[in-house]
C-alpha atoms as a PDB file:
ATOM      1  CA  UNK A   1     -10.629 -32.066 -78.232  1.00  0.00           C
ATOM      2  CA  UNK A   2     -12.895 -29.330 -76.293  1.00  0.00           C
ATOM      3  CA  UNK A   3     -15.969 -31.229 -73.758  1.00  0.00           C
ATOM      4  CA  UNK A   4     -19.292 -29.787 -75.503  1.00  0.00           C
ATOM      5  CA  UNK A   5     -21.028 -27.425 -73.747  1.00  0.00           C
ATOM      6  CA  UNK A   6     -23.392 -28.518 -71.209  1.00  0.00           C
ATOM      7  CA  UNK A   7     -21.147 -31.393 -70.708  1.00  0.00           C
ATOM      8  CA  UNK A   8     -19.558 -32.143 -67.418  1.00  0.00           C
ATOM      9  CA  UNK A   9     -16.201 -30.024 -67.007  1.00  0.00           C
ATOM     10  CA  UNK A  10     -13.426 -31.671 -65.120  1.00  0.00           C
ATOM     11  CA  UNK A  11     -11.880 -29.233 -62.351  1.00  0.00           C
ATOM     12  CA  UNK A  12      -8.948 -31.677 -61.781  1.00  0.00           C
ATOM     13  CA  UNK A  13      -7.096 -34.354 -63.453  1.00  0.00           C
ATOM     14  CA  UNK A  14      -9.478 -37.115 -64.279  1.00  0.00           C
ATOM     15  CA  UNK A  15      -9.400 -40.168 -66.292  1.00  0.00           C
ATOM     16  CA  UNK A  16     -12.224 -41.752 -68.116  1.00  0.00           C
ATOM     17  CA  UNK A  17     -12.147 -45.274 -69.047  1.00  0.00           C
ATOM     18  CA  UNK A  18     -14.029 -47.399 -71.171  1.00  0.00           C
ATOM     19  CA  UNK A  19     -13.933 -51.028 -71.681  1.00  0.00           C
ATOM     20  CA  UNK A  20     -15.206 -54.095 -72.897  1.00  0.00           C
ATOM     21  CA  UNK A  21     -13.383 -57.780 -72.160  1.00  0.00           C
ATOM     22  CA  UNK A  22     -10.828 -57.102 -74.200  1.00  0.00           C
ATOM     23  CA  UNK A  23     -10.144 -53.328 -75.202  1.00  0.00           C
ATOM     24  CA  UNK A  24     -10.002 -50.177 -73.123  1.00  0.00           C
ATOM     25  CA  UNK A  25      -9.939 -46.474 -74.141  1.00  0.00           C
ATOM     26  CA  UNK A  26      -8.133 -44.051 -71.839  1.00  0.00           C
ATOM     27  CA  UNK A  27      -9.194 -40.386 -71.796  1.00  0.00           C
ATOM     28  CA  UNK A  28      -7.393 -37.687 -69.900  1.00  0.00           C
ATOM     29  CA  UNK A  29     -10.007 -34.766 -69.111  1.00  0.00           C
ATOM     30  CA  UNK A  30      -9.086 -31.469 -67.160  1.00  0.00           C
ATOM     31  CA  UNK A  31     -10.855 -28.105 -67.509  1.00  0.00           C
ATOM     32  CA  UNK A  32     -13.066 -28.024 -70.538  1.00  0.00           C
ATOM     33  CA  UNK A  33     -10.597 -30.610 -72.828  1.00  0.00           C
ATOM     34  CA  UNK A  34     -10.504 -34.511 -72.898  1.00  0.00           C
ATOM     35  CA  UNK A  35      -7.659 -36.284 -75.109  1.00  0.00           C
ATOM     36  CA  UNK A  36      -7.564 -39.823 -75.783  1.00  0.00           C
ATOM     37  CA  UNK A  37      -4.173 -41.651 -74.334  1.00  0.00           C
ATOM     38  CA  UNK A  38      -2.672 -44.693 -75.435  1.00  0.00           C
ATOM     39  CA  UNK A  39      -5.109 -47.582 -75.508  1.00  0.00           C
ATOM     40  CA  UNK A  40      -4.993 -51.159 -74.059  1.00  0.00           C
ATOM     41  CA  UNK A  41      -6.056 -54.352 -76.115  1.00  0.00           C
ATOM     42  CA  UNK A  42      -5.606 -57.935 -75.435  1.00  0.00           C
ATOM     43  CA  UNK A  43      -3.917 -59.854 -77.985  1.00  0.00           C
ATOM     44  CA  UNK A  44      -5.742 -62.036 -80.547  1.00  0.00           C
ATOM     45  CA  UNK A  45      -5.705 -65.569 -80.523  1.00  0.00           C
ATOM     46  CA  UNK A  46      -5.101 -66.472 -84.216  1.00  0.00           C
ATOM     47  CA  UNK A  47      -7.052 -69.810 -85.461  1.00  0.00           C
ATOM     48  CA  UNK A  48      -7.981 -71.791 -88.020  1.00  0.00           C
ATOM     49  CA  UNK A  49     -11.433 -70.725 -89.228  1.00  0.00           C
ATOM     50  CA  UNK A  50     -12.444 -74.164 -88.156  1.00  0.00           C
ATOM     51  CA  UNK A  51     -11.509 -73.351 -84.501  1.00  0.00           C
ATOM     52  CA  UNK A  52     -13.233 -70.089 -85.134  1.00  0.00           C
ATOM     53  CA  UNK A  53     -16.442 -71.106 -85.834  1.00  0.00           C
ATOM     54  CA  UNK A  54     -16.693 -74.418 -83.264  1.00  0.00           C
ATOM     55  CA  UNK A  55     -16.875 -73.919 -79.443  1.00  0.00           C
ATOM     56  CA  UNK A  56     -14.464 -75.616 -77.300  1.00  0.00           C
ATOM     57  CA  UNK A  57     -13.833 -75.582 -73.860  1.00  0.00           C
ATOM     58  CA  UNK A  58     -10.215 -74.852 -74.606  1.00  0.00           C
ATOM     59  CA  UNK A  59     -11.508 -71.867 -76.366  1.00  0.00           C
ATOM     60  CA  UNK A  60     -13.399 -70.727 -73.604  1.00  0.00           C
ATOM     61  CA  UNK A  61     -10.524 -71.504 -71.315  1.00  0.00           C
ATOM     62  CA  UNK A  62      -8.230 -69.334 -73.637  1.00  0.00           C
ATOM     63  CA  UNK A  63     -10.577 -66.578 -73.333  1.00  0.00           C
ATOM     64  CA  UNK A  64     -11.216 -66.487 -69.947  1.00  0.00           C
ATOM     65  CA  UNK A  65      -7.006 -66.575 -69.466  1.00  0.00           C
ATOM     66  CA  UNK A  66      -7.132 -63.387 -71.879  1.00  0.00           C
ATOM     67  CA  UNK A  67      -9.407 -61.584 -69.939  1.00  0.00           C
ATOM     68  CA  UNK A  68      -7.652 -62.170 -66.703  1.00  0.00           C
ATOM     69  CA  UNK A  69      -4.397 -60.797 -68.419  1.00  0.00           C
ATOM     70  CA  UNK A  70      -6.339 -58.123 -70.149  1.00  0.00           C
ATOM     71  CA  UNK A  71      -7.863 -57.006 -66.500  1.00  0.00           C
ATOM     72  CA  UNK A  72      -4.159 -56.936 -64.722  1.00  0.00           C
ATOM     73  CA  UNK A  73      -2.842 -55.148 -67.788  1.00  0.00           C
ATOM     74  CA  UNK A  74      -5.420 -52.347 -67.417  1.00  0.00           C
ATOM     75  CA  UNK A  75      -4.871 -52.061 -63.901  1.00  0.00           C
ATOM     76  CA  UNK A  76      -1.407 -52.022 -64.156  1.00  0.00           C
ATOM     77  CA  UNK A  77      -1.497 -49.257 -66.868  1.00  0.00           C
ATOM     78  CA  UNK A  78      -4.289 -47.024 -64.874  1.00  0.00           C
ATOM     79  CA  UNK A  79      -1.838 -47.021 -61.758  1.00  0.00           C
ATOM     80  CA  UNK A  80       1.181 -45.788 -64.188  1.00  0.00           C
ATOM     81  CA  UNK A  81      -1.228 -43.092 -65.753  1.00  0.00           C
ATOM     82  CA  UNK A  82      -2.187 -41.987 -62.692  1.00  0.00           C
ATOM     83  CA  UNK A  83       0.943 -41.393 -61.098  1.00  0.00           C
ATOM     84  CA  UNK A  84       2.288 -40.015 -63.932  1.00  0.00           C
ATOM     85  CA  UNK A  85      -0.524 -37.678 -64.469  1.00  0.00           C
ATOM     86  CA  UNK A  86      -1.255 -37.038 -61.019  1.00  0.00           C
ATOM     87  CA  UNK A  87      -4.981 -38.064 -61.147  1.00  0.00           C
ATOM     88  CA  UNK A  88      -7.276 -37.151 -58.926  1.00  0.00           C
ATOM     89  CA  UNK A  89     -10.413 -39.150 -60.037  1.00  0.00           C
ATOM     90  CA  UNK A  90     -11.304 -41.861 -62.499  1.00  0.00           C
ATOM     91  CA  UNK A  91     -14.304 -42.651 -63.890  1.00  0.00           C
ATOM     92  CA  UNK A  92     -15.121 -46.171 -65.188  1.00  0.00           C
ATOM     93  CA  UNK A  93     -17.347 -47.002 -67.976  1.00  0.00           C
ATOM     94  CA  UNK A  94     -17.573 -50.769 -68.845  1.00  0.00           C
ATOM     95  CA  UNK A  95     -20.111 -53.483 -68.229  1.00  0.00           C
ATOM     96  CA  UNK A  96     -19.819 -54.743 -64.507  1.00  0.00           C
ATOM     97  CA  UNK A  97     -18.199 -57.988 -64.823  1.00  0.00           C
ATOM     98  CA  UNK A  98     -15.079 -55.878 -66.216  1.00  0.00           C
ATOM     99  CA  UNK A  99     -15.495 -53.385 -63.788  1.00  0.00           C
ATOM    100  CA  UNK A 100     -15.518 -56.354 -60.636  1.00  0.00           C
ATOM    101  CA  UNK A 101     -12.835 -57.642 -62.163  1.00  0.00           C
ATOM    102  CA  UNK A 102     -10.550 -54.614 -62.755  1.00  0.00           C
ATOM    103  CA  UNK A 103     -11.374 -53.750 -59.039  1.00  0.00           C
ATOM    104  CA  UNK A 104      -9.980 -56.969 -57.508  1.00  0.00           C
ATOM    105  CA  UNK A 105      -6.733 -56.165 -59.839  1.00  0.00           C
ATOM    106  CA  UNK A 106      -6.375 -52.187 -58.606  1.00  0.00           C
ATOM    107  CA  UNK A 107      -3.136 -51.226 -56.656  1.00  0.00           C
ATOM    108  CA  UNK A 108      -4.338 -50.082 -53.281  1.00  0.00           C
ATOM    109  CA  UNK A 109      -3.373 -46.390 -54.218  1.00  0.00           C
ATOM    110  CA  UNK A 110      -5.689 -46.390 -57.378  1.00  0.00           C
ATOM    111  CA  UNK A 111      -8.771 -47.691 -55.782  1.00  0.00           C
ATOM    112  CA  UNK A 112      -9.217 -44.467 -53.601  1.00  0.00           C
ATOM    113  CA  UNK A 113      -9.420 -41.950 -56.823  1.00  0.00           C
ATOM    114  CA  UNK A 114     -12.451 -44.205 -58.450  1.00  0.00           C
ATOM    115  CA  UNK A 115     -15.638 -42.241 -59.147  1.00  0.00           C
ATOM    116  CA  UNK A 116     -18.182 -43.198 -60.756  1.00  0.00           C
ATOM    117  CA  UNK A 117     -18.806 -46.632 -62.041  1.00  0.00           C
ATOM    118  CA  UNK A 118     -21.150 -46.857 -65.315  1.00  0.00           C
ATOM    119  CA  UNK A 119     -22.042 -50.354 -66.225  1.00  0.00           C
ATOM    120  CA  UNK A 120     -22.621 -50.043 -70.021  1.00  0.00           C
ATOM    121  CA  UNK A 121     -20.497 -51.397 -72.758  1.00  0.00           C
ATOM    122  CA  UNK A 122     -19.601 -48.267 -74.830  1.00  0.00           C
ATOM    123  CA  UNK A 123     -16.054 -48.942 -75.447  1.00  0.00           C
ATOM    124  CA  UNK A 124     -16.845 -48.871 -79.255  1.00  0.00           C
ATOM    125  CA  UNK A 125     -19.110 -45.698 -79.230  1.00  0.00           C
ATOM    126  CA  UNK A 126     -17.908 -41.820 -79.435  1.00  0.00           C
ATOM    127  CA  UNK A 127     -16.505 -39.697 -76.883  1.00  0.00           C
ATOM    128  CA  UNK A 128     -19.526 -37.384 -76.480  1.00  0.00           C
ATOM    129  CA  UNK A 129     -21.915 -40.723 -76.084  1.00  0.00           C
ATOM    130  CA  UNK A 130     -19.254 -41.388 -73.322  1.00  0.00           C
ATOM    131  CA  UNK A 131     -19.426 -38.527 -71.574  1.00  0.00           C
ATOM    132  CA  UNK A 132     -23.359 -38.133 -71.979  1.00  0.00           C
ATOM    133  CA  UNK A 133     -23.419 -41.973 -70.176  1.00  0.00           C
ATOM    134  CA  UNK A 134     -20.838 -40.311 -67.304  1.00  0.00           C
ATOM    135  CA  UNK A 135     -22.982 -37.330 -66.412  1.00  0.00           C
ATOM    136  CA  UNK A 136     -26.794 -38.476 -67.227  1.00  0.00           C
END
């Protein structure tokens, strides 16, 4: 997709990553265009209706483990994409909790690529809204 005029244009290959606790979208930007790459989502837990509506320490523990697994998978995915596409910079748009957990898991050669960090949950917003938030 062509990046709308007036929004930041990318002079070098750049990843824009949006995420919430269990889902991430990854965009590859370069010049005046940006394309969505394969995203990542944590597997969902199948449960009965009773389990879905009742809080339990076990369900919270499962969510914590799902989150940790998701963050590790996202870090590995970003490392793979960064190397494959020779990425110069990675911008993160995600809640602070997710960004901090991701930072702990990123490979040492990926950490220096991190550019802007926007602590907002825009994972389910349109690309134009994400770009606006990134370059406000």
